[in-house]
Amino acid sequence: MAFQLLLQRGWVAPDMNLKYRFVLLMLASLFAISANGAPLAFSVNSDSGNSETEDSLYVIDLESGIDQRVAKLFNGIENRTDTEGLAISPNRQLWGIDDDSGTLFLINPESAAVDYNEEIALSSLSLSGFPAEEGNDFGMTFSCDNELYITSVRTRSLYRVNLESGESGIVGTSGALGANISAIASIGNPTRLYGLGNGQFQNGETDSPNLYSIDTETGVATMIGQLGSEAGEYNQGGLAFDSDGVLWAITDRRIINNSIANLPSQILTIDTSTGAASLIATTSEVGFESLAITAPMNCAFRADLEEFDGIPSLNQAGRILAILVLMLAGIMVLRQRLS
């Protein structure tokens, strides 16, 4: 495909020597690898305000902010209308949580179909133990040992959820978080759990735009630091680690200061030692409140399974190795040509 593109653009001649074609193909592949090595993620625009596309699954290039819509989250009967959290489990399944129905469900990453059942008997769970009213603004993440942690803004609490029954139990005491945290992410074994505080209250006043560490035994959140000036005003957001251990966030900026602003979501990286955020890109779509990149990382043990494991992308070491291999192949061909 790369050579055909070069041919169509007139950059090579149709009768060019095969070895030169090979070199150009290697160079084209090198540029492709360099350009497409950034992390990719899943998110749902649950607060976009556009009835045609709202509540759709998107794939987002975190480095550029380019977002590609997959489809609406649909279970064959109705759409999932308030997906607040996404997470990828250790067995490489993409899960979502719907605030309206209090339901935890599987998502097909290729079609956005929900509640699908390909290889496991259970695909959807009605959660218990949470307040029945809407407004939980769930955040969710899996740990290396397949613990599912969920936060509720309504109760300001951390929960563990049983994936077989859907039953949830508060970690520590109710209200132990002490902050409105609607996005969480875990890494490592033992689990290190982080939370992103909401940026504004519903009246537009400042809430808790900070990064927190969360104790998985007591449920207590400890403020690490403020996101800082590179993070624009926002309401809720999503949080996830990538395969290199970098912490990423995406923020919902549709409503700012209690008025509809329809600002695109910001993509940030966050320093886990200071809480400081760096602005990386903005999306073209609005209303993203969730983020999922890969299965739990930095685990002492990970099963060698073949199921879905996040959106594939090369890490920095992989990109460097691929570039060196391609350069070596090109040099070898040139040396044979000149000898």
Protein backbone atom coordinates (compact mmCIF):
# COMPACT_ATOMS: atom_id res chain seq x y z
CA MET A 1 0.00 0.00 0.00
CA ALA A 2 2.80 2.43 0.85
CA PHE A 3 4.51 1.86 -2.51
CA GLN A 4 1.22 2.23 -4.39
CA LEU A 5 0.69 5.58 -2.66
CA LEU A 6 4.14 6.75 -3.72
CA LEU A 7 3.45 5.57 -7.28
CA GLN A 8 0.09 7.36 -7.45
CA ARG A 9 1.68 10.61 -6.32
CA GLY A 10 4.36 10.38 -9.02
CA TRP A 11 7.24 10.09 -6.59
CA VAL A 12 8.51 6.86 -8.18
CA ALA A 13 8.60 5.59 -11.74
CA PRO A 14 6.59 2.46 -12.67
CA ASP A 15 9.71 0.76 -14.08
CA MET A 16 11.93 1.56 -11.10
CA ASN A 17 14.37 -1.18 -10.09
CA LEU A 18 12.87 -3.62 -7.58
CA LYS A 19 15.61 -2.98 -5.04
CA TYR A 20 14.95 0.77 -5.10
CA ARG A 21 11.26 0.03 -4.69
CA PHE A 22 12.10 -2.05 -1.65
CA VAL A 23 14.14 0.77 -0.10
CA LEU A 24 11.36 3.30 -0.68
CA LEU A 25 8.86 0.90 0.83
CA MET A 26 11.05 0.58 3.91
CA LEU A 27 11.29 4.36 4.20
CA ALA A 28 7.54 4.74 3.80
CA SER A 29 6.98 2.12 6.50
CA LEU A 30 9.46 3.90 8.76
CA PHE A 31 7.51 7.14 8.51
CA ALA A 32 4.25 5.27 9.11
CA ILE A 33 5.61 3.71 12.29
CA SER A 34 6.94 7.04 13.53
CA ALA A 35 3.63 8.76 12.84
CA ASN A 36 1.35 6.14 14.37
CA GLY A 37 3.17 5.19 17.57
CA ALA A 38 1.15 7.45 19.91
CA PRO A 39 -1.21 5.84 22.43
CA LEU A 40 -4.77 5.24 21.33
CA ALA A 41 -7.72 5.10 23.70
CA PHE A 42 -11.44 4.47 23.97
CA SER A 43 -13.89 7.06 25.25
CA VAL A 44 -17.64 7.79 25.16
CA ASN A 45 -19.10 11.25 24.49
CA SER A 46 -21.82 10.89 27.10
CA ASP A 47 -22.27 14.65 27.46
CA SER A 48 -21.95 15.98 23.90
CA GLY A 49 -25.51 17.30 23.59
CA ASN A 50 -25.76 16.02 20.01
CA SER A 51 -28.61 13.51 19.82
CA GLU A 52 -27.24 12.01 16.59
CA THR A 53 -23.83 11.04 17.95
CA GLU A 54 -24.08 11.30 21.75
CA ASP A 55 -23.35 8.15 23.77
CA SER A 56 -21.08 6.74 21.06
CA LEU A 57 -17.85 4.82 21.45
CA TYR A 58 -14.83 6.66 20.02
CA VAL A 59 -11.21 5.74 19.34
CA ILE A 60 -8.91 8.68 20.11
CA ASP A 61 -5.29 9.32 19.17
CA LEU A 62 -4.12 10.85 22.44
CA GLU A 63 -1.15 12.66 20.91
CA SER A 64 -3.08 14.48 18.18
CA GLY A 65 -6.61 14.51 19.62
CA ILE A 66 -8.02 12.97 16.43
CA ASP A 67 -11.18 11.09 17.36
CA GLN A 68 -12.94 8.44 15.26
CA ARG A 69 -16.52 7.48 16.06
CA VAL A 70 -17.29 3.75 16.10
CA ALA A 71 -21.06 3.73 16.80
CA LYS A 72 -23.64 4.32 19.48
CA LEU A 73 -23.55 1.98 22.46
CA PHE A 74 -26.54 -0.23 21.65
CA ASN A 75 -27.69 -3.52 23.16
CA GLY A 76 -30.15 -4.46 20.44
CA ILE A 77 -33.10 -2.89 22.23
CA GLU A 78 -32.00 0.50 23.53
CA ASN A 79 -28.96 2.75 23.71
CA ARG A 80 -26.82 3.12 26.80
CA THR A 81 -27.49 6.78 27.53
CA ASP A 82 -25.08 7.77 30.32
CA THR A 83 -21.87 5.76 30.19
CA GLU A 84 -19.71 7.39 32.84
CA GLY A 85 -16.79 4.99 33.01
CA LEU A 86 -14.72 2.62 30.85
CA ALA A 87 -12.03 0.14 31.82
CA ILE A 88 -10.18 -2.84 30.32
CA SER A 89 -9.98 -5.93 32.51
CA PRO A 90 -6.93 -8.17 32.98
CA ASN A 91 -8.49 -10.68 30.56
CA ARG A 92 -8.62 -7.90 27.95
CA GLN A 93 -12.34 -7.15 27.85
CA LEU A 94 -13.68 -3.60 27.49
CA TRP A 95 -16.27 -2.79 30.15
CA GLY A 96 -18.53 0.23 30.60
CA ILE A 97 -20.80 1.46 33.37
CA ASP A 98 -24.10 3.27 32.80
CA ASP A 99 -25.25 5.76 35.42
CA ASP A 100 -28.89 5.88 34.28
CA SER A 101 -29.52 2.14 34.70
CA GLY A 102 -26.80 1.27 37.21
CA THR A 103 -25.54 -1.40 34.82
CA LEU A 104 -22.08 -2.78 34.18
CA PHE A 105 -21.68 -4.21 30.69
CA LEU A 106 -19.26 -5.53 28.10
CA ILE A 107 -18.56 -3.54 24.93
CA ASN A 108 -17.51 -4.91 21.58
CA PRO A 109 -14.65 -2.52 20.67
CA GLU A 110 -15.16 -3.04 16.93
CA SER A 111 -18.89 -2.38 16.71
CA ALA A 112 -19.79 -0.66 20.03
CA ALA A 113 -22.41 -3.38 20.61
CA VAL A 114 -23.00 -3.85 24.32
CA ASP A 115 -24.03 -6.82 26.44
CA TYR A 116 -22.54 -9.09 23.79
CA ASN A 117 -21.68 -12.64 24.79
CA GLU A 118 -19.02 -14.31 22.67
CA GLU A 119 -16.84 -16.31 25.01
CA ILE A 120 -18.24 -15.86 28.51
CA ALA A 121 -21.63 -16.63 29.96
CA LEU A 122 -22.06 -13.30 31.73
CA SER A 123 -22.01 -10.02 29.83
CA SER A 124 -24.18 -7.58 31.78
CA LEU A 125 -24.66 -6.92 35.49
CA SER A 126 -27.20 -4.86 37.41
CA LEU A 127 -25.21 -3.28 40.21
CA SER A 128 -26.41 -3.29 43.80
CA GLY A 129 -25.20 -1.36 46.81
CA PHE A 130 -25.20 2.06 45.11
CA PRO A 131 -27.77 4.83 45.56
CA ALA A 132 -30.66 4.22 43.16
CA GLU A 133 -30.77 7.85 42.03
CA GLU A 134 -28.76 9.10 39.09
CA GLY A 135 -25.74 11.29 39.71
CA ASN A 136 -23.27 8.66 40.89
CA ASP A 137 -20.96 9.85 38.08
CA PHE A 138 -19.11 6.55 38.27
CA GLY A 139 -15.40 6.11 37.75
CA MET A 140 -14.03 2.60 37.30
CA THR A 141 -10.79 0.67 36.93
CA PHE A 142 -9.50 -2.89 37.18
CA SER A 143 -6.44 -3.89 39.20
CA CYS A 144 -3.89 -6.54 38.27
CA ASP A 145 -5.64 -9.12 40.48
CA ASN A 146 -8.98 -8.50 38.69
CA GLU A 147 -10.48 -6.37 41.46
CA LEU A 148 -12.99 -3.92 40.03
CA TYR A 149 -12.97 -0.56 41.82
CA ILE A 150 -15.75 1.97 41.28
CA THR A 151 -16.22 5.44 42.74
CA SER A 152 -19.50 7.27 43.32
CA VAL A 153 -19.66 11.05 43.52
CA ARG A 154 -23.07 10.82 45.21
CA THR A 155 -21.61 9.00 48.21
CA ARG A 156 -17.98 10.19 47.85
CA SER A 157 -16.94 6.58 48.34
CA LEU A 158 -14.81 3.83 46.82
CA TYR A 159 -16.42 0.42 46.15
CA ARG A 160 -15.28 -3.08 45.25
CA VAL A 161 -17.62 -4.89 42.88
CA ASN A 162 -18.18 -8.62 42.60
CA LEU A 163 -18.08 -9.45 38.88
CA GLU A 164 -20.20 -12.56 39.36
CA SER A 165 -23.10 -11.05 41.27
CA GLY A 166 -22.85 -7.31 40.70
CA GLU A 167 -22.86 -6.74 44.46
CA SER A 168 -20.73 -3.82 45.62
CA GLY A 169 -19.30 -2.98 49.00
CA ILE A 170 -17.85 0.27 50.29
CA VAL A 171 -14.11 0.24 50.92
CA GLY A 172 -13.55 1.67 54.38
CA THR A 173 -16.34 4.03 55.41
CA SER A 174 -18.93 5.97 53.42
CA GLY A 175 -17.61 9.36 52.33
CA ALA A 176 -13.97 8.41 52.94
CA LEU A 177 -12.87 9.86 49.60
CA GLY A 178 -13.69 13.35 50.85
CA ALA A 179 -13.79 14.69 47.29
CA ASN A 180 -15.92 14.40 44.15
CA ILE A 181 -13.85 11.85 42.23
CA SER A 182 -15.48 10.55 39.04
CA ALA A 183 -12.41 9.04 37.33
CA ILE A 184 -9.91 6.52 38.68
CA ALA A 185 -6.97 4.51 37.34
CA SER A 186 -4.81 1.77 38.84
CA ILE A 187 -1.30 0.51 38.15
CA GLY A 188 1.08 -2.05 39.60
CA ASN A 189 0.92 -4.93 42.04
CA PRO A 190 0.30 -4.11 44.87
CA THR A 191 -2.29 -1.74 43.45
CA ARG A 192 -1.62 1.99 43.33
CA LEU A 193 -4.92 3.78 42.79
CA TYR A 194 -5.29 7.36 41.56
CA GLY A 195 -8.34 9.58 41.23
CA LEU A 196 -9.20 12.72 39.26
CA GLY A 197 -11.35 15.25 41.08
CA ASN A 198 -14.20 17.02 39.31
CA GLY A 199 -13.37 20.51 38.11
CA GLN A 200 -16.62 22.34 38.85
CA PHE A 201 -19.84 21.99 40.79
CA GLN A 202 -23.09 22.18 38.86
CA ASN A 203 -23.35 25.89 39.72
CA GLY A 204 -20.00 26.55 38.04
CA GLU A 205 -17.98 27.09 41.21
CA THR A 206 -14.61 25.38 41.55
CA ASP A 207 -14.77 21.83 42.87
CA SER A 208 -11.66 19.60 43.15
CA PRO A 209 -9.46 19.86 40.02
CA ASN A 210 -6.71 17.79 41.62
CA LEU A 211 -5.00 14.42 41.40
CA TYR A 212 -5.49 12.12 44.39
CA SER A 213 -3.99 8.88 45.62
CA ILE A 214 -6.57 6.48 47.04
CA ASP A 215 -5.93 3.89 49.75
CA THR A 216 -7.45 0.58 48.60
CA GLU A 217 -7.89 -0.58 52.21
CA THR A 218 -9.46 2.50 53.80
CA GLY A 219 -10.95 4.26 50.76
CA VAL A 220 -9.36 7.52 51.85
CA ALA A 221 -8.22 9.91 49.11
CA THR A 222 -5.13 12.03 49.68
CA MET A 223 -4.53 15.05 47.48
CA ILE A 224 -1.27 14.86 45.53
CA GLY A 225 -1.52 18.25 43.85
CA GLN A 226 -3.51 20.57 41.64
CA LEU A 227 -3.66 20.00 37.88
CA GLY A 228 -2.50 23.55 37.31
CA SER A 229 -2.93 26.15 34.59
CA GLU A 230 -2.54 23.85 31.56
CA ALA A 231 -5.82 22.16 32.42
CA GLY A 232 -8.73 24.34 31.33
CA GLU A 233 -11.97 24.55 33.27
CA TYR A 234 -13.88 21.28 33.15
CA ASN A 235 -16.60 19.29 34.88
CA GLN A 236 -15.82 15.56 34.89
CA GLY A 237 -13.23 13.45 33.12
CA GLY A 238 -11.66 10.09 32.44
CA LEU A 239 -8.36 8.69 33.70
CA ALA A 240 -6.16 5.78 32.54
CA PHE A 241 -2.57 4.56 32.37
CA ASP A 242 -0.93 3.57 29.09
CA SER A 243 1.44 0.67 28.49
CA ASP A 244 4.44 2.86 29.39
CA GLY A 245 2.97 3.80 32.78
CA VAL A 246 2.02 7.34 31.70
CA LEU A 247 -1.15 8.66 33.33
CA TRP A 248 -3.59 10.26 30.86
CA ALA A 249 -6.78 12.23 31.43
CA ILE A 250 -9.58 13.53 29.24
CA THR A 251 -11.96 16.26 30.42
CA ASP A 252 -15.57 17.17 29.67
CA ARG A 253 -15.83 20.90 28.87
CA ARG A 254 -19.29 21.14 27.34
CA ILE A 255 -20.72 23.14 30.26
CA ILE A 256 -18.43 25.76 31.80
CA ASN A 257 -19.44 28.17 34.56
CA ASN A 258 -22.98 26.77 34.47
CA SER A 259 -23.50 27.65 30.80
CA ILE A 260 -23.20 25.64 27.59
CA ALA A 261 -19.76 26.27 26.12
CA ASN A 262 -19.43 23.22 23.83
CA LEU A 263 -15.65 23.31 24.20
CA PRO A 264 -13.79 20.25 22.89
CA SER A 265 -12.34 17.87 25.45
CA GLN A 266 -8.75 18.34 26.54
CA ILE A 267 -6.26 15.48 26.59
CA LEU A 268 -3.73 15.73 29.41
CA THR A 269 -0.87 13.79 30.91
CA ILE A 270 -0.54 14.02 34.68
CA ASP A 271 2.58 13.74 36.82
CA THR A 272 1.72 11.19 39.50
CA SER A 273 4.23 12.69 41.95
CA THR A 274 2.99 16.31 41.77
CA GLY A 275 -0.45 16.19 40.18
CA ALA A 276 0.61 18.72 37.54
CA ALA A 277 -1.09 18.30 34.17
CA SER A 278 0.38 18.93 30.72
CA LEU A 279 -1.93 19.76 27.82
CA ILE A 280 -1.25 17.39 24.92
CA ALA A 281 -4.16 17.90 22.51
CA THR A 282 -7.85 18.68 22.15
CA THR A 283 -10.51 16.56 20.48
CA SER A 284 -12.98 17.70 17.82
CA GLU A 285 -15.90 16.11 19.71
CA VAL A 286 -17.25 17.34 23.06
CA GLY A 287 -18.45 15.61 26.19
CA PHE A 288 -15.90 12.84 26.85
CA GLU A 289 -16.09 11.63 30.47
CA SER A 290 -14.33 8.25 30.34
CA LEU A 291 -11.02 6.78 29.22
CA ALA A 292 -9.65 3.26 28.65
CA ILE A 293 -6.27 2.51 27.08
CA THR A 294 -5.01 -0.93 28.08
CA ALA A 295 -5.33 -3.76 30.58
CA PRO A 296 -3.73 -3.21 34.03
CA MET A 297 -0.01 -2.58 33.71
CA ASN A 298 3.16 -3.30 35.72
CA CYS A 299 1.67 -6.49 37.15
CA ALA A 300 3.90 -9.15 38.66
CA PHE A 301 1.97 -11.76 36.67
CA ARG A 302 -0.23 -11.43 33.56
CA ALA A 303 -1.89 -14.41 31.92
CA ASP A 304 -0.85 -15.01 28.33
CA LEU A 305 -4.33 -14.67 26.86
CA GLU A 306 -5.27 -14.00 23.27
CA GLU A 307 -8.35 -11.84 23.88
CA PHE A 308 -8.58 -8.10 23.41
CA ASP A 309 -5.77 -6.19 25.12
CA GLY A 310 -6.49 -2.56 24.40
CA ILE A 311 -5.75 -0.74 21.19
CA PRO A 312 -2.38 -1.99 19.88
CA SER A 313 0.41 0.55 19.61
CA LEU A 314 4.18 0.42 19.80
CA ASN A 315 5.83 1.79 22.91
CA GLN A 316 8.93 3.96 22.63
CA ALA A 317 11.37 1.06 22.73
CA GLY A 318 9.38 -0.80 20.09
CA ARG A 319 9.31 2.19 17.77
CA ILE A 320 13.07 2.71 18.08
CA LEU A 321 13.73 -0.98 17.38
CA ALA A 322 11.42 -0.96 14.34
CA ILE A 323 13.14 2.12 12.94
CA LEU A 324 16.60 0.57 13.38
CA VAL A 325 15.49 -2.66 11.68
CA LEU A 326 14.06 -0.78 8.72
CA MET A 327 17.16 1.40 8.37
CA LEU A 328 19.39 -1.68 8.47
CA ALA A 329 17.31 -3.35 5.75
CA GLY A 330 17.60 -0.26 3.56
CA ILE A 331 21.38 -0.02 4.06
CA MET A 332 21.85 -3.68 3.15
CA VAL A 333 19.94 -3.26 -0.10
CA LEU A 334 21.87 -0.11 -1.02
CA ARG A 335 25.20 -1.81 -0.34
CA GLN A 336 24.21 -4.72 -2.61
CA ARG A 337 23.21 -2.24 -5.30
CA LEU A 338 26.48 -0.28 -5.12
CA SER A 339 28.80 -3.31 -4.88
